[in-house]
């Protein structure tokens, strides 16, 4: 499973906008069709749990594991 810093790296490299920073990084990406995707990245250094990672990948990032891996 990826670490939080890898998720942050993905967002930065995949042109997500970091629109707010607190104890988390808040990212959004506006798609060509006008839909907006959102995700929140912890500043923690640990690994993302399996079930949480699947939710982030499928519901928030809406990309495949292969695409994610190509950006980190």
PDB file of N, CA and C in Angstrom:
ATOM      1  N   UNK A   1       0.839  -1.184   0.000  1.00  0.00           N
ATOM      2  CA  UNK A   1       0.000   0.000   0.000  1.00  0.00           C
ATOM      3  C   UNK A   1       0.885   1.249   0.000  1.00  0.00           C
ATOM      4  N   UNK A   2       0.437   2.293  -0.677  1.00  0.00           N
ATOM      5  CA  UNK A   2       1.234   3.519  -0.720  1.00  0.00           C
ATOM      6  C   UNK A   2       1.204   4.263   0.613  1.00  0.00           C
ATOM      7  N   UNK A   3       2.149   5.138   0.761  1.00  0.00           N
ATOM      8  CA  UNK A   3       2.214   6.011   1.934  1.00  0.00           C
ATOM      9  C   UNK A   3       1.540   7.333   1.587  1.00  0.00           C
ATOM     10  N   UNK A   4       1.227   8.102   2.607  1.00  0.00           N
ATOM     11  CA  UNK A   4       0.577   9.391   2.409  1.00  0.00           C
ATOM     12  C   UNK A   4       1.439  10.302   1.545  1.00  0.00           C
ATOM     13  N   UNK A   5       2.757  10.266   1.729  1.00  0.00           N
ATOM     14  CA  UNK A   5       3.629  11.144   0.938  1.00  0.00           C
ATOM     15  C   UNK A   5       3.586  10.773  -0.544  1.00  0.00           C
ATOM     16  N   UNK A   6       3.326   9.507  -0.850  1.00  0.00           N
ATOM     17  CA  UNK A   6       3.196   9.094  -2.252  1.00  0.00           C
ATOM     18  C   UNK A   6       1.889   9.603  -2.853  1.00  0.00           C
ATOM     19  N   UNK A   7       0.839   9.632  -2.052  1.00  0.00           N
ATOM     20  CA  UNK A   7      -0.426  10.203  -2.518  1.00  0.00           C
ATOM     21  C   UNK A   7      -0.251  11.690  -2.790  1.00  0.00           C
ATOM     22  N   UNK A   8       0.448  12.400  -1.929  1.00  0.00           N
ATOM     23  CA  UNK A   8       0.714  13.824  -2.144  1.00  0.00           C
ATOM     24  C   UNK A   8       1.529  14.024  -3.417  1.00  0.00           C
ATOM     25  N   UNK A   9       2.556  13.212  -3.616  1.00  0.00           N
ATOM     26  CA  UNK A   9       3.380  13.302  -4.817  1.00  0.00           C
ATOM     27  C   UNK A   9       2.532  13.077  -6.069  1.00  0.00           C
ATOM     28  N   UNK A  10       1.634  12.087  -6.019  1.00  0.00           N
ATOM     29  CA  UNK A  10       0.741  11.835  -7.143  1.00  0.00           C
ATOM     30  C   UNK A  10      -0.079  13.077  -7.459  1.00  0.00           C
ATOM     31  N   UNK A  11      -0.696  13.661  -6.449  1.00  0.00           N
ATOM     32  CA  UNK A  11      -1.546  14.834  -6.681  1.00  0.00           C
ATOM     33  C   UNK A  11      -0.741  15.977  -7.288  1.00  0.00           C
ATOM     34  N   UNK A  12       0.453  16.206  -6.778  1.00  0.00           N
ATOM     35  CA  UNK A  12       1.296  17.278  -7.308  1.00  0.00           C
ATOM     36  C   UNK A  12       1.685  17.009  -8.762  1.00  0.00           C
ATOM     37  N   UNK A  13       2.025  15.784  -9.085  1.00  0.00           N
ATOM     38  CA  UNK A  13       2.468  15.437 -10.440  1.00  0.00           C
ATOM     39  C   UNK A  13       1.317  15.306 -11.438  1.00  0.00           C
ATOM     40  N   UNK A  14       0.118  15.040 -10.939  1.00  0.00           N
ATOM     41  CA  UNK A  14      -1.041  14.862 -11.815  1.00  0.00           C
ATOM     42  C   UNK A  14      -1.871  16.145 -11.920  1.00  0.00           C
ATOM     43  N   UNK A  15      -1.272  17.257 -11.533  1.00  0.00           N
ATOM     44  CA  UNK A  15      -1.885  18.587 -11.683  1.00  0.00           C
ATOM     45  C   UNK A  15      -3.155  18.804 -10.870  1.00  0.00           C
ATOM     46  N   UNK A  16      -3.202  18.229  -9.677  1.00  0.00           N
ATOM     47  CA  UNK A  16      -4.279  18.535  -8.753  1.00  0.00           C
ATOM     48  C   UNK A  16      -3.921  19.860  -8.075  1.00  0.00           C
ATOM     49  N   UNK A  17      -4.922  20.647  -7.736  1.00  0.00           N
ATOM     50  CA  UNK A  17      -4.704  21.926  -7.068  1.00  0.00           C
ATOM     51  C   UNK A  17      -4.795  21.736  -5.553  1.00  0.00           C
ATOM     52  N   UNK A  18      -3.765  22.148  -4.850  1.00  0.00           N
ATOM     53  CA  UNK A  18      -3.810  22.138  -3.383  1.00  0.00           C
ATOM     54  C   UNK A  18      -4.462  23.453  -2.963  1.00  0.00           C
ATOM     55  N   UNK A  19      -5.714  23.380  -2.528  1.00  0.00           N
ATOM     56  CA  UNK A  19      -6.465  24.600  -2.260  1.00  0.00           C
ATOM     57  C   UNK A  19      -6.568  24.953  -0.777  1.00  0.00           C
ATOM     58  N   UNK A  20      -6.124  24.061   0.102  1.00  0.00           N
ATOM     59  CA  UNK A  20      -6.163  24.350   1.531  1.00  0.00           C
ATOM     60  C   UNK A  20      -5.170  23.445   2.242  1.00  0.00           C
ATOM     61  N   UNK A  21      -4.473  24.012   3.249  1.00  0.00           N
ATOM     62  CA  UNK A  21      -3.535  23.234   4.047  1.00  0.00           C
ATOM     63  C   UNK A  21      -3.848  23.481   5.519  1.00  0.00           C
ATOM     64  N   UNK A  22      -4.118  22.400   6.232  1.00  0.00           N
ATOM     65  CA  UNK A  22      -4.307  22.448   7.687  1.00  0.00           C
ATOM     66  C   UNK A  22      -3.413  21.335   8.229  1.00  0.00           C
ATOM     67  N   UNK A  23      -3.974  20.445   9.015  1.00  0.00           N
ATOM     68  CA  UNK A  23      -3.227  19.255   9.410  1.00  0.00           C
ATOM     69  C   UNK A  23      -3.284  18.215   8.289  1.00  0.00           C
ATOM     70  N   UNK A  24      -3.985  18.558   7.198  1.00  0.00           N
ATOM     71  CA  UNK A  24      -4.074  17.757   5.976  1.00  0.00           C
ATOM     72  C   UNK A  24      -3.874  18.684   4.775  1.00  0.00           C
ATOM     73  N   UNK A  25      -3.567  18.080   3.638  1.00  0.00           N
ATOM     74  CA  UNK A  25      -3.558  18.806   2.368  1.00  0.00           C
ATOM     75  C   UNK A  25      -4.886  18.502   1.682  1.00  0.00           C
ATOM     76  N   UNK A  26      -5.565  19.507   1.192  1.00  0.00           N
ATOM     77  CA  UNK A  26      -6.829  19.338   0.486  1.00  0.00           C
ATOM     78  C   UNK A  26      -6.600  19.644  -0.987  1.00  0.00           C
ATOM     79  N   UNK A  27      -6.901  18.668  -1.834  1.00  0.00           N
ATOM     80  CA  UNK A  27      -6.676  18.783  -3.272  1.00  0.00           C
ATOM     81  C   UNK A  27      -7.984  18.681  -4.034  1.00  0.00           C
ATOM     82  N   UNK A  28      -8.002  19.333  -5.204  1.00  0.00           N
ATOM     83  CA  UNK A  28      -9.117  19.185  -6.128  1.00  0.00           C
ATOM     84  C   UNK A  28      -8.571  19.205  -7.551  1.00  0.00           C
ATOM     85  N   UNK A  29      -9.337  18.570  -8.436  1.00  0.00           N
ATOM     86  CA  UNK A  29      -8.980  18.542  -9.854  1.00  0.00           C
ATOM     87  C   UNK A  29     -10.247  18.731 -10.662  1.00  0.00           C
ATOM     88  N   UNK A  30     -10.222  19.730 -11.543  1.00  0.00           N
ATOM     89  CA  UNK A  30     -11.366  19.986 -12.414  1.00  0.00           C
ATOM     90  C   UNK A  30     -11.141  19.226 -13.714  1.00  0.00           C
ATOM     91  N   UNK A  31     -12.071  18.348 -14.029  1.00  0.00           N
ATOM     92  CA  UNK A  31     -11.980  17.529 -15.230  1.00  0.00           C
ATOM     93  C   UNK A  31     -12.500  18.297 -16.446  1.00  0.00           C
ATOM     94  N   UNK A  32     -12.120  17.878 -17.645  1.00  0.00           N
ATOM     95  CA  UNK A  32     -12.583  18.563 -18.858  1.00  0.00           C
ATOM     96  C   UNK A  32     -14.108  18.653 -18.980  1.00  0.00           C
ATOM     97  N   UNK A  33     -14.827  17.682 -18.421  1.00  0.00           N
ATOM     98  CA  UNK A  33     -16.295  17.709 -18.503  1.00  0.00           C
ATOM     99  C   UNK A  33     -16.933  18.584 -17.417  1.00  0.00           C
ATOM    100  N   UNK A  34     -16.107  19.235 -16.600  1.00  0.00           N
ATOM    101  CA  UNK A  34     -16.621  20.137 -15.566  1.00  0.00           C
ATOM    102  C   UNK A  34     -16.772  19.509 -14.197  1.00  0.00           C
ATOM    103  N   UNK A  35     -16.694  18.195 -14.099  1.00  0.00           N
ATOM    104  CA  UNK A  35     -16.750  17.533 -12.795  1.00  0.00           C
ATOM    105  C   UNK A  35     -15.509  17.872 -11.989  1.00  0.00           C
ATOM    106  N   UNK A  36     -15.665  17.910 -10.680  1.00  0.00           N
ATOM    107  CA  UNK A  36     -14.550  18.224  -9.794  1.00  0.00           C
ATOM    108  C   UNK A  36     -14.314  17.045  -8.860  1.00  0.00           C
ATOM    109  N   UNK A  37     -13.068  16.582  -8.803  1.00  0.00           N
ATOM    110  CA  UNK A  37     -12.669  15.512  -7.892  1.00  0.00           C
ATOM    111  C   UNK A  37     -11.992  16.136  -6.681  1.00  0.00           C
ATOM    112  N   UNK A  38     -12.192  15.540  -5.512  1.00  0.00           N
ATOM    113  CA  UNK A  38     -11.587  16.026  -4.274  1.00  0.00           C
ATOM    114  C   UNK A  38     -10.906  14.877  -3.545  1.00  0.00           C
ATOM    115  N   UNK A  39      -9.803  15.193  -2.889  1.00  0.00           N
ATOM    116  CA  UNK A  39      -9.181  14.232  -1.993  1.00  0.00           C
ATOM    117  C   UNK A  39      -8.472  14.987  -0.880  1.00  0.00           C
ATOM    118  N   UNK A  40      -8.245  14.298   0.214  1.00  0.00           N
ATOM    119  CA  UNK A  40      -7.576  14.860   1.379  1.00  0.00           C
ATOM    120  C   UNK A  40      -6.383  13.972   1.690  1.00  0.00           C
ATOM    121  N   UNK A  41      -5.218  14.597   1.916  1.00  0.00           N
ATOM    122  CA  UNK A  41      -3.991  13.847   2.152  1.00  0.00           C
ATOM    123  C   UNK A  41      -3.457  14.177   3.542  1.00  0.00           C
ATOM    124  N   UNK A  42      -3.268  13.163   4.355  1.00  0.00           N
ATOM    125  CA  UNK A  42      -2.728  13.344   5.695  1.00  0.00           C
ATOM    126  C   UNK A  42      -1.267  13.770   5.623  1.00  0.00           C
ATOM    127  N   UNK A  43      -0.842  14.552   6.589  1.00  0.00           N
ATOM    128  CA  UNK A  43       0.575  14.911   6.696  1.00  0.00           C
ATOM    129  C   UNK A  43       1.363  13.824   7.418  1.00  0.00           C
ATOM    130  N   UNK A  44       0.690  12.762   7.811  1.00  0.00           N
ATOM    131  CA  UNK A  44       1.351  11.644   8.474  1.00  0.00           C
ATOM    132  C   UNK A  44       2.328  10.936   7.543  1.00  0.00           C
ATOM    133  N   UNK A  45       3.212  10.162   8.117  1.00  0.00           N
ATOM    134  CA  UNK A  45       4.239   9.499   7.313  1.00  0.00           C
ATOM    135  C   UNK A  45       3.943   8.019   7.083  1.00  0.00           C
ATOM    136  N   UNK A  46       2.846   7.551   7.611  1.00  0.00           N
ATOM    137  CA  UNK A  46       2.554   6.126   7.548  1.00  0.00           C
ATOM    138  C   UNK A  46       1.962   5.661   6.241  1.00  0.00           C
ATOM    139  N   UNK A  47       1.686   4.381   6.222  1.00  0.00           N
ATOM    140  CA  UNK A  47       1.095   3.725   5.064  1.00  0.00           C
ATOM    141  C   UNK A  47      -0.418   3.842   5.133  1.00  0.00           C
ATOM    142  N   UNK A  48      -1.052   3.979   3.984  1.00  0.00           N
ATOM    143  CA  UNK A  48      -2.511   4.043   3.910  1.00  0.00           C
ATOM    144  C   UNK A  48      -3.052   2.619   4.001  1.00  0.00           C
ATOM    145  N   UNK A  49      -4.036   2.411   4.835  1.00  0.00           N
ATOM    146  CA  UNK A  49      -4.632   1.092   4.994  1.00  0.00           C
ATOM    147  C   UNK A  49      -5.290   0.601   3.708  1.00  0.00           C
ATOM    148  N   UNK A  50      -5.382  -0.697   3.544  1.00  0.00           N
ATOM    149  CA  UNK A  50      -5.892  -1.312   2.317  1.00  0.00           C
ATOM    150  C   UNK A  50      -7.271  -0.795   1.920  1.00  0.00           C
ATOM    151  N   UNK A  51      -8.232  -0.879   2.834  1.00  0.00           N
ATOM    152  CA  UNK A  51      -9.607  -0.499   2.507  1.00  0.00           C
ATOM    153  C   UNK A  51      -9.725   0.995   2.236  1.00  0.00           C
ATOM    154  N   UNK A  52      -9.022   1.807   3.013  1.00  0.00           N
ATOM    155  CA  UNK A  52      -9.044   3.245   2.786  1.00  0.00           C
ATOM    156  C   UNK A  52      -8.415   3.565   1.427  1.00  0.00           C
ATOM    157  N   UNK A  53      -7.320   2.873   1.090  1.00  0.00           N
ATOM    158  CA  UNK A  53      -6.666   3.117  -0.186  1.00  0.00           C
ATOM    159  C   UNK A  53      -7.597   2.808  -1.358  1.00  0.00           C
ATOM    160  N   UNK A  54      -8.326   1.705  -1.285  1.00  0.00           N
ATOM    161  CA  UNK A  54      -9.249   1.347  -2.353  1.00  0.00           C
ATOM    162  C   UNK A  54     -10.344   2.406  -2.522  1.00  0.00           C
ATOM    163  N   UNK A  55     -10.822   2.963  -1.420  1.00  0.00           N
ATOM    164  CA  UNK A  55     -11.829   4.029  -1.477  1.00  0.00           C
ATOM    165  C   UNK A  55     -11.245   5.283  -2.126  1.00  0.00           C
ATOM    166  N   UNK A  56     -10.037   5.664  -1.724  1.00  0.00           N
ATOM    167  CA  UNK A  56      -9.383   6.854  -2.290  1.00  0.00           C
ATOM    168  C   UNK A  56      -9.161   6.665  -3.787  1.00  0.00           C
ATOM    169  N   UNK A  57      -8.623   5.537  -4.161  1.00  0.00           N
ATOM    170  CA  UNK A  57      -8.293   5.261  -5.563  1.00  0.00           C
ATOM    171  C   UNK A  57      -9.546   5.272  -6.448  1.00  0.00           C
ATOM    172  N   UNK A  58     -10.595   4.588  -6.004  1.00  0.00           N
ATOM    173  CA  UNK A  58     -11.787   4.421  -6.830  1.00  0.00           C
ATOM    174  C   UNK A  58     -12.789   5.571  -6.745  1.00  0.00           C
ATOM    175  N   UNK A  59     -12.976   6.137  -5.579  1.00  0.00           N
ATOM    176  CA  UNK A  59     -14.022   7.153  -5.414  1.00  0.00           C
ATOM    177  C   UNK A  59     -13.515   8.582  -5.476  1.00  0.00           C
ATOM    178  N   UNK A  60     -12.261   8.812  -5.080  1.00  0.00           N
ATOM    179  CA  UNK A  60     -11.755  10.175  -5.052  1.00  0.00           C
ATOM    180  C   UNK A  60     -10.850  10.474  -6.251  1.00  0.00           C
ATOM    181  N   UNK A  61      -9.833   9.649  -6.463  1.00  0.00           N
ATOM    182  CA  UNK A  61      -8.909   9.887  -7.574  1.00  0.00           C
ATOM    183  C   UNK A  61      -9.497   9.436  -8.903  1.00  0.00           C
ATOM    184  N   UNK A  62     -10.296   8.371  -8.868  1.00  0.00           N
ATOM    185  CA  UNK A  62     -10.917   7.776 -10.055  1.00  0.00           C
ATOM    186  C   UNK A  62      -9.879   7.421 -11.119  1.00  0.00           C
ATOM    187  N   UNK A  63      -8.827   6.731 -10.673  1.00  0.00           N
ATOM    188  CA  UNK A  63      -7.782   6.241 -11.581  1.00  0.00           C
ATOM    189  C   UNK A  63      -7.466   4.796 -11.227  1.00  0.00           C
ATOM    190  N   UNK A  64      -6.737   4.129 -12.111  1.00  0.00           N
ATOM    191  CA  UNK A  64      -6.306   2.764 -11.837  1.00  0.00           C
ATOM    192  C   UNK A  64      -5.034   2.784 -10.998  1.00  0.00           C
ATOM    193  N   UNK A  65      -4.734   1.649 -10.397  1.00  0.00           N
ATOM    194  CA  UNK A  65      -3.491   1.512  -9.645  1.00  0.00           C
ATOM    195  C   UNK A  65      -2.293   1.729 -10.565  1.00  0.00           C
ATOM    196  N   UNK A  66      -2.383   1.262 -11.800  1.00  0.00           N
ATOM    197  CA  UNK A  66      -1.290   1.402 -12.761  1.00  0.00           C
ATOM    198  C   UNK A  66      -1.036   2.873 -13.086  1.00  0.00           C
ATOM    199  N   UNK A  67      -2.109   3.636 -13.282  1.00  0.00           N
ATOM    200  CA  UNK A  67      -1.949   5.066 -13.566  1.00  0.00           C
ATOM    201  C   UNK A  67      -1.324   5.767 -12.360  1.00  0.00           C
ATOM    202  N   UNK A  68      -1.814   5.450 -11.174  1.00  0.00           N
ATOM    203  CA  UNK A  68      -1.254   6.035  -9.952  1.00  0.00           C
ATOM    204  C   UNK A  68       0.248   5.750  -9.880  1.00  0.00           C
ATOM    205  N   UNK A  69       0.617   4.484 -10.084  1.00  0.00           N
ATOM    206  CA  UNK A  69       2.022   4.090  -9.989  1.00  0.00           C
ATOM    207  C   UNK A  69       2.885   4.823 -11.024  1.00  0.00           C
ATOM    208  N   UNK A  70       2.327   5.135 -12.182  1.00  0.00           N
ATOM    209  CA  UNK A  70       3.105   5.805 -13.232  1.00  0.00           C
ATOM    210  C   UNK A  70       3.427   7.242 -12.882  1.00  0.00           C
ATOM    211  N   UNK A  71       2.682   7.820 -11.938  1.00  0.00           N
ATOM    212  CA  UNK A  71       2.877   9.223 -11.560  1.00  0.00           C
ATOM    213  C   UNK A  71       3.749   9.402 -10.318  1.00  0.00           C
ATOM    214  N   UNK A  72       3.916   8.341  -9.532  1.00  0.00           N
ATOM    215  CA  UNK A  72       4.710   8.500  -8.320  1.00  0.00           C
ATOM    216  C   UNK A  72       6.139   8.124  -8.630  1.00  0.00           C
TER     217      UNK A  72
END
